[in-house]
Amino acid sequence: MASFRSEPILWIHVAGLATLPVFSILCLLFLSVGKPFLPVWMELLLVATIGVVPLLWMQLRRPFYIFGLLGIALKPENLTERQRKILCLTNTKLNRILALMTAVLSIWALWYLFKIAPLVANTAKFLPQWRSLGLILAGLAFLASNLFLQIPVSVMRVLVTNDTEFAALEPLSLEKIKQDFTILGVRVNQMLPRLFESLFARNIDSQQPPE
């Protein structure tokens, strides 16, 4: 029987961590645009509010529905029992604690970016030197980096769950899924080709240590 860890969407979300350097560099470039006209703490607060607060609020109130990707989402009614069990693990008290810790880590990283931003000011000379626009774009880049950090952290919580704990879970009902999760994008009957899912599952299961 295929392990719950063989769900392709879990590993696709984890792979999203690879985008962090890209969005961090973009945030750094935008932070180096123009001359500051506000105290550093106010600029930090502005960028952090744009980049952290919406995602943190979502993860604390109605976590991101992980069976969604690039503007599409698998219809909740099409989820298998195993997938509905996986959703149980993305809406727990531990996940909320992890979301808070991730937000704190992100703000610390943002403070570091603020400190080194003057060092790359010359690199950003090709951009319009409007500080207010730079801060807004930095906030949006920071929002994207947080998206691709918060969701993988939530998913990794699923991956480290032991099989016994997973087997004991009760699948979420359709009503609970619609009520408790933020479902973004166009809802579709199937996200990935079945052949891809089958090959991916076989590859992951072959790498699992024997019980």
C-alpha atoms as a PDB file:
ATOM      1  CA  MET A   1       0.000   0.000   0.000  1.00  0.00           C
ATOM      2  CA  ALA A   2       1.403   3.400  -1.002  1.00  0.00           C
ATOM      3  CA  SER A   3       2.596   5.601   1.855  1.00  0.00           C
ATOM      4  CA  PHE A   4       0.903   8.951   2.460  1.00  0.00           C
ATOM      5  CA  ARG A   5       4.365  10.474   1.888  1.00  0.00           C
ATOM      6  CA  SER A   6       4.077   9.508  -1.777  1.00  0.00           C
ATOM      7  CA  GLU A   7       1.514  12.252  -2.423  1.00  0.00           C
ATOM      8  CA  PRO A   8       3.242  14.321  -5.175  1.00  0.00           C
ATOM      9  CA  ILE A   9       1.732  17.620  -3.997  1.00  0.00           C
ATOM     10  CA  LEU A  10       3.610  17.357  -0.698  1.00  0.00           C
ATOM     11  CA  TRP A  11       6.976  17.231  -2.430  1.00  0.00           C
ATOM     12  CA  ILE A  12       6.022  19.912  -4.947  1.00  0.00           C
ATOM     13  CA  HIS A  13       5.311  22.284  -2.058  1.00  0.00           C
ATOM     14  CA  VAL A  14       8.583  21.358  -0.337  1.00  0.00           C
ATOM     15  CA  ALA A  15      10.415  22.069  -3.610  1.00  0.00           C
ATOM     16  CA  GLY A  16       8.977  25.592  -3.403  1.00  0.00           C
ATOM     17  CA  LEU A  17      11.729  26.341  -0.868  1.00  0.00           C
ATOM     18  CA  ALA A  18      14.073  26.629  -3.870  1.00  0.00           C
ATOM     19  CA  THR A  19      12.387  29.936  -4.783  1.00  0.00           C
ATOM     20  CA  LEU A  20      13.338  31.583  -1.474  1.00  0.00           C
ATOM     21  CA  PRO A  21      16.727  32.892  -2.689  1.00  0.00           C
ATOM     22  CA  VAL A  22      15.091  34.436  -5.772  1.00  0.00           C
ATOM     23  CA  PHE A  23      12.438  36.353  -3.836  1.00  0.00           C
ATOM     24  CA  SER A  24      14.930  37.296  -1.111  1.00  0.00           C
ATOM     25  CA  ILE A  25      17.257  38.842  -3.703  1.00  0.00           C
ATOM     26  CA  LEU A  26      14.338  40.731  -5.255  1.00  0.00           C
ATOM     27  CA  CYS A  27      13.324  42.007  -1.824  1.00  0.00           C
ATOM     28  CA  LEU A  28      16.893  43.112  -1.163  1.00  0.00           C
ATOM     29  CA  LEU A  29      17.099  44.988  -4.470  1.00  0.00           C
ATOM     30  CA  PHE A  30      13.819  46.810  -3.840  1.00  0.00           C
ATOM     31  CA  LEU A  31      14.922  47.727  -0.297  1.00  0.00           C
ATOM     32  CA  SER A  32      18.001  49.409  -1.762  1.00  0.00           C
ATOM     33  CA  VAL A  33      15.935  51.685  -4.033  1.00  0.00           C
ATOM     34  CA  GLY A  34      15.907  55.404  -3.256  1.00  0.00           C
ATOM     35  CA  LYS A  35      16.779  57.217  -0.051  1.00  0.00           C
ATOM     36  CA  PRO A  36      14.947  56.410   3.199  1.00  0.00           C
ATOM     37  CA  PHE A  37      12.479  59.086   4.274  1.00  0.00           C
ATOM     38  CA  LEU A  38      11.088  57.212   7.287  1.00  0.00           C
ATOM     39  CA  PRO A  39      12.809  55.762  10.367  1.00  0.00           C
ATOM     40  CA  VAL A  40      14.131  52.250   9.704  1.00  0.00           C
ATOM     41  CA  TRP A  41      11.691  50.666  12.155  1.00  0.00           C
ATOM     42  CA  MET A  42       8.728  52.200  10.309  1.00  0.00           C
ATOM     43  CA  GLU A  43       9.962  50.922   6.951  1.00  0.00           C
ATOM     44  CA  LEU A  44      10.579  47.514   8.512  1.00  0.00           C
ATOM     45  CA  LEU A  45       7.052  47.535   9.943  1.00  0.00           C
ATOM     46  CA  LEU A  46       5.554  48.453   6.562  1.00  0.00           C
ATOM     47  CA  VAL A  47       7.359  45.714   4.627  1.00  0.00           C
ATOM     48  CA  ALA A  48       6.740  43.127   7.371  1.00  0.00           C
ATOM     49  CA  THR A  49       3.036  44.014   7.467  1.00  0.00           C
ATOM     50  CA  ILE A  50       2.709  43.441   3.722  1.00  0.00           C
ATOM     51  CA  GLY A  51       4.840  40.310   3.681  1.00  0.00           C
ATOM     52  CA  VAL A  52       3.973  38.542   6.927  1.00  0.00           C
ATOM     53  CA  VAL A  53       0.584  39.530   8.321  1.00  0.00           C
ATOM     54  CA  PRO A  54      -1.751  38.220   5.535  1.00  0.00           C
ATOM     55  CA  LEU A  55      -0.116  34.778   5.424  1.00  0.00           C
ATOM     56  CA  LEU A  56       0.208  34.473   9.178  1.00  0.00           C
ATOM     57  CA  TRP A  57      -3.434  35.434   9.631  1.00  0.00           C
ATOM     58  CA  MET A  58      -4.423  32.825   7.045  1.00  0.00           C
ATOM     59  CA  GLN A  59      -2.334  30.068   8.652  1.00  0.00           C
ATOM     60  CA  LEU A  60      -3.715  30.851  12.102  1.00  0.00           C
ATOM     61  CA  ARG A  61      -7.363  31.199  11.080  1.00  0.00           C
ATOM     62  CA  ARG A  62      -7.955  29.133   7.930  1.00  0.00           C
ATOM     63  CA  PRO A  63      -4.763  27.399   6.756  1.00  0.00           C
ATOM     64  CA  PHE A  64      -3.835  27.189   3.100  1.00  0.00           C
ATOM     65  CA  TYR A  65      -5.451  24.226   1.322  1.00  0.00           C
ATOM     66  CA  ILE A  66      -2.353  22.366   0.179  1.00  0.00           C
ATOM     67  CA  PHE A  67      -4.084  20.502  -2.647  1.00  0.00           C
ATOM     68  CA  GLY A  68      -3.801  23.617  -4.760  1.00  0.00           C
ATOM     69  CA  LEU A  69      -1.063  24.946  -7.010  1.00  0.00           C
ATOM     70  CA  LEU A  70      -0.530  27.838  -9.451  1.00  0.00           C
ATOM     71  CA  GLY A  71      -4.093  29.120  -9.451  1.00  0.00           C
ATOM     72  CA  ILE A  72      -5.868  25.735  -9.470  1.00  0.00           C
ATOM     73  CA  ALA A  73      -7.142  23.578  -6.619  1.00  0.00           C
ATOM     74  CA  LEU A  74      -8.400  20.020  -6.444  1.00  0.00           C
ATOM     75  CA  LYS A  75     -12.101  19.988  -5.596  1.00  0.00           C
ATOM     76  CA  PRO A  76     -12.550  18.941  -1.944  1.00  0.00           C
ATOM     77  CA  GLU A  77     -15.168  16.379  -2.955  1.00  0.00           C
ATOM     78  CA  ASN A  78     -12.546  14.645  -5.135  1.00  0.00           C
ATOM     79  CA  LEU A  79     -10.072  14.113  -2.300  1.00  0.00           C
ATOM     80  CA  THR A  80      -9.271  10.550  -1.306  1.00  0.00           C
ATOM     81  CA  GLU A  81      -9.541   9.394   2.296  1.00  0.00           C
ATOM     82  CA  ARG A  82      -5.740   9.592   2.584  1.00  0.00           C
ATOM     83  CA  GLN A  83      -5.697  13.169   1.309  1.00  0.00           C
ATOM     84  CA  ARG A  84      -8.399  14.170   3.797  1.00  0.00           C
ATOM     85  CA  LYS A  85      -6.262  12.667   6.560  1.00  0.00           C
ATOM     86  CA  ILE A  86      -3.289  14.699   5.347  1.00  0.00           C
ATOM     87  CA  LEU A  87      -5.365  17.872   5.703  1.00  0.00           C
ATOM     88  CA  CYS A  88      -5.939  16.970   9.369  1.00  0.00           C
ATOM     89  CA  LEU A  89      -2.203  17.412   9.932  1.00  0.00           C
ATOM     90  CA  THR A  90      -2.083  20.884   8.387  1.00  0.00           C
ATOM     91  CA  ASN A  91      -4.637  22.380  10.768  1.00  0.00           C
ATOM     92  CA  THR A  92      -3.344  21.651  14.263  1.00  0.00           C
ATOM     93  CA  LYS A  93      -2.092  23.647  17.236  1.00  0.00           C
ATOM     94  CA  LEU A  94       1.466  22.583  16.354  1.00  0.00           C
ATOM     95  CA  ASN A  95       1.063  24.010  12.866  1.00  0.00           C
ATOM     96  CA  ARG A  96      -0.013  27.346  14.320  1.00  0.00           C
ATOM     97  CA  ILE A  97       3.040  27.397  16.575  1.00  0.00           C
ATOM     98  CA  LEU A  98       5.247  26.578  13.573  1.00  0.00           C
ATOM     99  CA  ALA A  99       3.576  29.379  11.585  1.00  0.00           C
ATOM    100  CA  LEU A 100       4.346  31.878  14.363  1.00  0.00           C
ATOM    101  CA  MET A 101       7.957  30.702  14.632  1.00  0.00           C
ATOM    102  CA  THR A 102       8.349  30.926  10.854  1.00  0.00           C
ATOM    103  CA  ALA A 103       6.973  34.482  10.879  1.00  0.00           C
ATOM    104  CA  VAL A 104       9.453  35.522  13.585  1.00  0.00           C
ATOM    105  CA  LEU A 105      12.309  33.967  11.612  1.00  0.00           C
ATOM    106  CA  SER A 106      11.165  35.790   8.480  1.00  0.00           C
ATOM    107  CA  ILE A 107      11.112  39.159  10.236  1.00  0.00           C
ATOM    108  CA  TRP A 108      14.621  38.537  11.561  1.00  0.00           C
ATOM    109  CA  ALA A 109      15.755  37.763   7.995  1.00  0.00           C
ATOM    110  CA  LEU A 110      14.041  40.955   6.788  1.00  0.00           C
ATOM    111  CA  TRP A 111      15.949  42.999   9.382  1.00  0.00           C
ATOM    112  CA  TYR A 112      19.180  41.532   8.039  1.00  0.00           C
ATOM    113  CA  LEU A 113      18.152  42.463   4.474  1.00  0.00           C
ATOM    114  CA  PHE A 114      17.527  46.036   5.640  1.00  0.00           C
ATOM    115  CA  LYS A 115      21.018  46.166   7.122  1.00  0.00           C
ATOM    116  CA  ILE A 116      22.787  45.037   3.939  1.00  0.00           C
ATOM    117  CA  ALA A 117      20.520  46.842   1.448  1.00  0.00           C
ATOM    118  CA  PRO A 118      22.807  49.944   1.214  1.00  0.00           C
ATOM    119  CA  LEU A 119      25.607  47.657   0.026  1.00  0.00           C
ATOM    120  CA  VAL A 120      23.714  46.779  -3.166  1.00  0.00           C
ATOM    121  CA  ALA A 121      22.305  50.248  -3.893  1.00  0.00           C
ATOM    122  CA  ASN A 122      24.474  50.615  -7.001  1.00  0.00           C
ATOM    123  CA  THR A 123      23.129  47.329  -8.376  1.00  0.00           C
ATOM    124  CA  ALA A 124      19.582  48.694  -8.202  1.00  0.00           C
ATOM    125  CA  LYS A 125      20.340  51.935 -10.060  1.00  0.00           C
ATOM    126  CA  PHE A 126      18.514  50.623 -13.135  1.00  0.00           C
ATOM    127  CA  LEU A 127      15.243  50.694 -11.163  1.00  0.00           C
ATOM    128  CA  PRO A 128      13.115  53.848 -10.654  1.00  0.00           C
ATOM    129  CA  GLN A 129      14.496  55.451  -7.490  1.00  0.00           C
ATOM    130  CA  TRP A 130      11.148  55.958  -5.756  1.00  0.00           C
ATOM    131  CA  ARG A 131      11.496  54.838  -2.176  1.00  0.00           C
ATOM    132  CA  SER A 132       7.775  54.345  -1.555  1.00  0.00           C
ATOM    133  CA  LEU A 133       7.409  52.141  -4.641  1.00  0.00           C
ATOM    134  CA  GLY A 134      10.537  50.222  -3.661  1.00  0.00           C
ATOM    135  CA  LEU A 135       9.116  49.478  -0.215  1.00  0.00           C
ATOM    136  CA  ILE A 136       5.810  48.255  -1.652  1.00  0.00           C
ATOM    137  CA  LEU A 137       7.588  45.992  -4.157  1.00  0.00           C
ATOM    138  CA  ALA A 138       9.895  44.767  -1.394  1.00  0.00           C
ATOM    139  CA  GLY A 139       6.801  43.919   0.660  1.00  0.00           C
ATOM    140  CA  LEU A 140       5.307  41.937  -2.228  1.00  0.00           C
ATOM    141  CA  ALA A 141       8.566  40.059  -2.818  1.00  0.00           C
ATOM    142  CA  PHE A 142       8.723  39.365   0.901  1.00  0.00           C
ATOM    143  CA  LEU A 143       5.110  38.136   0.780  1.00  0.00           C
ATOM    144  CA  ALA A 144       6.035  35.682  -1.985  1.00  0.00           C
ATOM    145  CA  SER A 145       9.063  34.438  -0.051  1.00  0.00           C
ATOM    146  CA  ASN A 146       6.884  33.895   3.022  1.00  0.00           C
ATOM    147  CA  LEU A 147       4.318  31.992   0.984  1.00  0.00           C
ATOM    148  CA  PHE A 148       7.008  29.602  -0.227  1.00  0.00           C
ATOM    149  CA  LEU A 149       8.263  29.209   3.333  1.00  0.00           C
ATOM    150  CA  GLN A 150       5.067  28.904   5.359  1.00  0.00           C
ATOM    151  CA  ILE A 151       3.496  26.228   3.161  1.00  0.00           C
ATOM    152  CA  PRO A 152       6.574  23.935   2.997  1.00  0.00           C
ATOM    153  CA  VAL A 153       6.931  24.207   6.793  1.00  0.00           C
ATOM    154  CA  SER A 154       3.324  23.086   7.136  1.00  0.00           C
ATOM    155  CA  VAL A 155       3.893  20.251   4.664  1.00  0.00           C
ATOM    156  CA  MET A 156       7.071  19.055   6.367  1.00  0.00           C
ATOM    157  CA  ARG A 157       5.011  18.658   9.531  1.00  0.00           C
ATOM    158  CA  VAL A 158       3.021  16.070   7.556  1.00  0.00           C
ATOM    159  CA  LEU A 159       6.108  14.279   6.247  1.00  0.00           C
ATOM    160  CA  VAL A 160       7.579  13.671   9.707  1.00  0.00           C
ATOM    161  CA  THR A 161       4.369  12.090  11.020  1.00  0.00           C
ATOM    162  CA  ASN A 162       4.806   8.398  11.810  1.00  0.00           C
ATOM    163  CA  ASP A 163       2.635   5.807  10.097  1.00  0.00           C
ATOM    164  CA  THR A 164       0.887   4.717  13.297  1.00  0.00           C
ATOM    165  CA  GLU A 165      -0.238   8.255  14.087  1.00  0.00           C
ATOM    166  CA  PHE A 166      -1.395   8.761  10.512  1.00  0.00           C
ATOM    167  CA  ALA A 167      -3.385   5.514  10.477  1.00  0.00           C
ATOM    168  CA  ALA A 168      -5.259   6.605  13.620  1.00  0.00           C
ATOM    169  CA  LEU A 169      -6.452   9.878  12.074  1.00  0.00           C
ATOM    170  CA  GLU A 170     -10.076  10.446  11.145  1.00  0.00           C
ATOM    171  CA  PRO A 171     -10.478  11.902   7.622  1.00  0.00           C
ATOM    172  CA  LEU A 172     -11.897  15.413   7.585  1.00  0.00           C
ATOM    173  CA  SER A 173     -15.435  15.783   6.342  1.00  0.00           C
ATOM    174  CA  LEU A 174     -16.181  17.769   3.203  1.00  0.00           C
ATOM    175  CA  GLU A 175     -17.968  20.413   5.283  1.00  0.00           C
ATOM    176  CA  LYS A 176     -14.960  20.856   7.606  1.00  0.00           C
ATOM    177  CA  ILE A 177     -12.587  21.206   4.677  1.00  0.00           C
ATOM    178  CA  LYS A 178     -14.672  23.949   3.076  1.00  0.00           C
ATOM    179  CA  GLN A 179     -15.163  25.679   6.415  1.00  0.00           C
ATOM    180  CA  ASP A 180     -11.642  25.449   7.871  1.00  0.00           C
ATOM    181  CA  PHE A 181      -9.311  25.942   4.877  1.00  0.00           C
ATOM    182  CA  THR A 182      -8.492  28.770   2.480  1.00  0.00           C
ATOM    183  CA  ILE A 183      -9.037  27.331  -0.997  1.00  0.00           C
ATOM    184  CA  LEU A 184      -7.490  29.535  -3.688  1.00  0.00           C
ATOM    185  CA  GLY A 185      -7.766  29.186  -7.440  1.00  0.00           C
ATOM    186  CA  VAL A 186     -10.044  27.499  -9.954  1.00  0.00           C
ATOM    187  CA  ARG A 187     -11.347  24.180  -8.659  1.00  0.00           C
ATOM    188  CA  VAL A 188     -10.619  21.199 -10.904  1.00  0.00           C
ATOM    189  CA  ASN A 189     -11.334  17.464 -10.850  1.00  0.00           C
ATOM    190  CA  GLN A 190      -7.672  16.471 -11.212  1.00  0.00           C
ATOM    191  CA  MET A 191      -4.407  18.371 -10.809  1.00  0.00           C
ATOM    192  CA  LEU A 192      -1.710  15.962 -11.979  1.00  0.00           C
ATOM    193  CA  PRO A 193      -1.786  13.235 -14.656  1.00  0.00           C
ATOM    194  CA  ARG A 194      -2.509   9.851 -13.077  1.00  0.00           C
ATOM    195  CA  LEU A 195       0.517   8.305 -14.769  1.00  0.00           C
ATOM    196  CA  PHE A 196       2.769  10.909 -13.124  1.00  0.00           C
ATOM    197  CA  GLU A 197       1.157  10.303  -9.735  1.00  0.00           C
ATOM    198  CA  SER A 198       1.630   6.547 -10.095  1.00  0.00           C
ATOM    199  CA  LEU A 199       5.285   6.789 -11.130  1.00  0.00           C
ATOM    200  CA  PHE A 200       6.028   9.347  -8.416  1.00  0.00           C
ATOM    201  CA  ALA A 201       4.386   7.229  -5.728  1.00  0.00           C
ATOM    202  CA  ARG A 202       6.313   4.144  -6.848  1.00  0.00           C
ATOM    203  CA  ASN A 203       9.599   6.053  -6.727  1.00  0.00           C
ATOM    204  CA  ILE A 204       8.957   7.493  -3.244  1.00  0.00           C
ATOM    205  CA  ASP A 205       7.781   4.163  -1.839  1.00  0.00           C
ATOM    206  CA  SER A 206      10.868   2.423  -3.195  1.00  0.00           C
ATOM    207  CA  GLN A 207      13.019   4.798  -1.137  1.00  0.00           C
ATOM    208  CA  GLN A 208      11.162   4.140   2.119  1.00  0.00           C
ATOM    209  CA  PRO A 209      13.086   1.932   4.579  1.00  0.00           C
ATOM    210  CA  PRO A 210      11.458  -1.458   5.140  1.00  0.00           C
ATOM    211  CA  GLU A 211       9.358  -1.759   8.295  1.00  0.00           C
END
